[in-house]
Protein backbone atom coordinates (compact mmCIF):
# COMPACT_ATOMS: atom_id res chain seq x y z
CA MET A 1 -41.41 -15.65 2.76
CA ASN A 2 -41.39 -18.49 5.62
CA ALA A 3 -39.56 -18.18 8.73
CA PHE A 4 -36.82 -20.55 7.67
CA LYS A 5 -35.88 -18.68 4.54
CA ARG A 6 -36.16 -15.30 6.37
CA SER A 7 -33.51 -16.67 9.17
CA VAL A 8 -31.11 -17.99 6.29
CA LEU A 9 -31.37 -14.51 4.53
CA ILE A 10 -30.70 -12.60 7.69
CA ALA A 11 -27.65 -14.91 8.63
CA VAL A 12 -26.33 -14.42 4.99
CA LEU A 13 -26.54 -10.69 5.39
CA ALA A 14 -25.06 -10.68 8.79
CA LEU A 15 -22.06 -12.78 7.56
CA LEU A 16 -21.71 -10.38 4.40
CA CYS A 17 -21.84 -7.25 6.74
CA GLY A 18 -19.21 -8.85 9.18
CA GLN A 19 -16.92 -9.53 6.17
CA ALA A 20 -17.35 -5.99 4.99
CA PHE A 21 -16.71 -4.62 8.57
CA ALA A 22 -13.42 -6.65 8.71
CA ALA A 23 -12.44 -5.70 5.31
CA ASP A 24 -12.98 -1.85 6.23
CA ALA A 25 -11.08 -2.14 9.45
CA LYS A 26 -7.98 -3.81 7.53
CA GLU A 27 -8.25 -0.83 5.04
CA SER A 28 -8.37 1.75 7.63
CA ALA A 29 -5.32 0.40 9.78
CA ALA A 30 -3.33 -0.45 6.48
CA ALA A 31 -3.81 3.04 5.30
CA LYS A 32 -2.75 4.48 8.75
CA PHE A 33 0.25 2.20 8.60
CA ALA A 34 1.22 3.30 4.95
CA THR A 35 0.84 7.06 5.91
CA ASP A 36 3.12 6.54 8.77
CA TRP A 37 5.61 4.56 6.60
CA LEU A 38 5.76 7.27 3.88
CA ALA A 39 6.33 9.95 6.57
CA LEU A 40 9.44 7.79 7.55
CA LEU A 41 10.56 7.58 3.77
CA ASP A 42 9.88 11.36 3.14
CA ALA A 43 12.21 12.16 6.05
CA GLY A 44 15.04 9.83 4.54
CA LYS A 45 14.75 7.41 7.33
CA TYR A 46 15.29 4.47 4.99
CA ASP A 47 16.76 2.07 7.65
CA GLN A 48 13.27 2.46 9.62
CA CYS A 49 11.47 1.91 6.60
CA TRP A 50 13.34 -1.27 5.87
CA LYS A 51 12.64 -2.61 9.38
CA GLN A 52 8.88 -2.12 8.50
CA THR A 53 9.04 -4.28 5.13
CA SER A 54 7.77 -7.85 5.03
CA PRO A 55 10.09 -10.77 5.13
CA SER A 56 9.12 -11.69 1.43
CA PHE A 57 10.21 -7.96 0.44
CA GLN A 58 13.32 -8.26 2.20
CA SER A 59 14.28 -11.50 0.71
CA SER A 60 13.93 -9.91 -2.66
CA ILE A 61 16.48 -7.44 -2.49
CA ARG A 62 19.47 -6.43 -0.34
CA LYS A 63 19.02 -3.81 2.16
CA ASP A 64 21.90 -1.73 0.85
CA LYS A 65 20.86 -2.06 -2.60
CA TRP A 66 17.21 -0.88 -1.71
CA GLU A 67 18.39 1.88 0.23
CA SER A 68 20.65 3.13 -2.61
CA GLN A 69 17.95 2.59 -5.06
CA LEU A 70 15.40 4.31 -3.05
CA GLY A 71 17.68 7.41 -2.30
CA HIS A 72 18.37 7.73 -6.08
CA TRP A 73 14.62 7.59 -7.19
CA ARG A 74 13.59 9.78 -4.48
CA HIS A 75 16.20 12.52 -5.60
CA LEU A 76 14.90 11.99 -9.03
CA LEU A 77 11.21 12.77 -7.84
CA GLY A 78 12.25 15.65 -5.43
CA LYS A 79 10.72 16.55 -2.12
CA ILE A 80 7.23 15.80 -1.40
CA ARG A 81 4.93 18.75 -1.63
CA ALA A 82 1.44 17.22 -0.95
CA ARG A 83 0.00 13.83 -0.55
CA LYS A 84 -3.70 12.87 -0.30
CA LEU A 85 -5.22 9.34 0.12
CA LEU A 86 -7.15 8.08 -2.75
CA ASN A 87 -8.16 4.65 -1.71
CA ALA A 88 -7.27 1.55 0.26
CA VAL A 89 -8.61 -1.75 -1.28
CA TYR A 90 -8.37 -5.06 0.73
CA THR A 91 -7.48 -8.23 -1.34
CA ASN A 92 -6.21 -11.27 -0.48
CA LYS A 93 -4.51 -12.11 -3.94
CA LEU A 94 -1.91 -10.01 -5.61
CA SER A 95 -0.22 -10.91 -8.84
CA GLY A 96 3.26 -12.59 -8.32
CA ALA A 97 2.67 -12.80 -4.59
CA GLU A 98 1.55 -15.56 -2.41
CA ASP A 99 -1.97 -15.55 -0.97
CA GLY A 100 -2.58 -13.43 2.23
CA ASP A 101 -4.08 -10.18 3.58
CA TYR A 102 -2.92 -7.13 1.48
CA VAL A 103 -4.45 -3.74 1.21
CA VAL A 104 -3.38 -1.73 -1.80
CA VAL A 105 -3.28 1.92 -0.68
CA ALA A 106 -3.03 4.75 -3.24
CA PHE A 107 -2.09 8.30 -2.82
CA ILE A 108 -2.06 11.10 -5.08
CA SER A 109 1.18 12.83 -4.36
CA GLY A 110 2.96 16.07 -5.56
CA PHE A 111 6.67 15.96 -6.03
CA GLU A 112 9.07 18.83 -6.69
CA ARG A 113 10.43 17.40 -9.98
CA LEU A 114 7.81 14.78 -11.02
CA GLY A 115 4.79 16.98 -10.26
CA SER A 116 1.78 15.05 -9.71
CA GLY A 117 2.18 11.17 -9.37
CA ILE A 118 0.42 8.03 -7.86
CA GLU A 119 2.10 6.30 -4.90
CA THR A 120 1.09 2.91 -4.29
CA VAL A 121 2.10 1.26 -0.87
CA ILE A 122 0.91 -2.36 -0.22
CA PRO A 123 0.84 -3.30 3.51
CA GLN A 124 0.68 -7.03 4.25
CA LEU A 125 -1.02 -8.18 7.56
CA GLN A 126 1.40 -10.54 9.25
CA PRO A 127 0.68 -13.77 11.22
CA ASP A 128 1.29 -11.75 14.54
CA GLY A 129 -1.31 -9.25 13.50
CA SER A 130 1.25 -6.33 12.62
CA TRP A 131 1.39 -4.79 9.16
CA LYS A 132 4.70 -4.88 7.11
CA ILE A 133 5.18 -3.23 3.66
CA SER A 134 5.32 -5.66 0.92
CA GLY A 135 5.51 -3.15 -2.11
CA TYR A 136 5.87 0.46 -2.94
CA GLY A 137 5.88 2.33 -6.38
CA VAL A 138 5.61 5.76 -7.87
CA LYS A 139 4.32 6.72 -11.33
CA PRO A 140 3.29 9.93 -13.06
CA SER A 141 -0.47 10.44 -12.58
CA ASP A 142 -0.85 11.27 -16.42
CA VAL A 143 0.73 7.83 -17.68
CA ASP A 144 -1.06 4.73 -17.91
CA ASP A 145 -0.21 1.29 -16.82
CA SER A 146 1.91 0.36 -19.91
CA GLY A 147 5.16 1.78 -18.78
CA PHE A 148 6.80 4.98 -18.01
CA SER A 149 10.37 6.72 -17.29
CA VAL A 150 10.71 9.24 -14.33
CA SER A 151 13.00 12.25 -15.36
CA PRO A 152 13.44 15.35 -13.51
CA LYS A 153 11.42 18.35 -14.75
C-alpha cells in the first residue's frame, strides 16, 4: 500500500473512531439523564418530569392531561421494584419525529403489579446542549411489538 492510500485509510479510520466516540458519549449522557428522570417519575414528581420534556413533547399533550394519564398508568403498574439498563442506542432518525439527536434508552424494570416490563425513555439533545425527554413508554417484557394492554395482576 502506498503512502497516499495509507494516509487516506488512517484519516477514514480516525473519522469513524471519532464518530463512534461521539455517539458513545451521547449514549452515556442520555442514559444518565433518563435514569435521573425515571427517579423523579418513581417519586411521583410529575411536574418536575414535565419540565424536563422536549418542546415537541409538550406541544403534543397538555400538561394536566399528561400528569393525569401518567398517574393512572403508574398506579396500574404499581411501585417500581427493580430497574436495570438494557441498552442505549444513538440515532438521528425516529419514526414520526423530526431528525435530531436521540438516544433510545431501554430498561428492564420490575413493577409490583405488571411484573417484568421494558421501559423505554427517549432523550433528545437540544440546541443548547441539554437533554430533554421526547418519549416514554412501558410494555410487558413478554409481549411483542404487535400490541398489549396493561392490567393489574
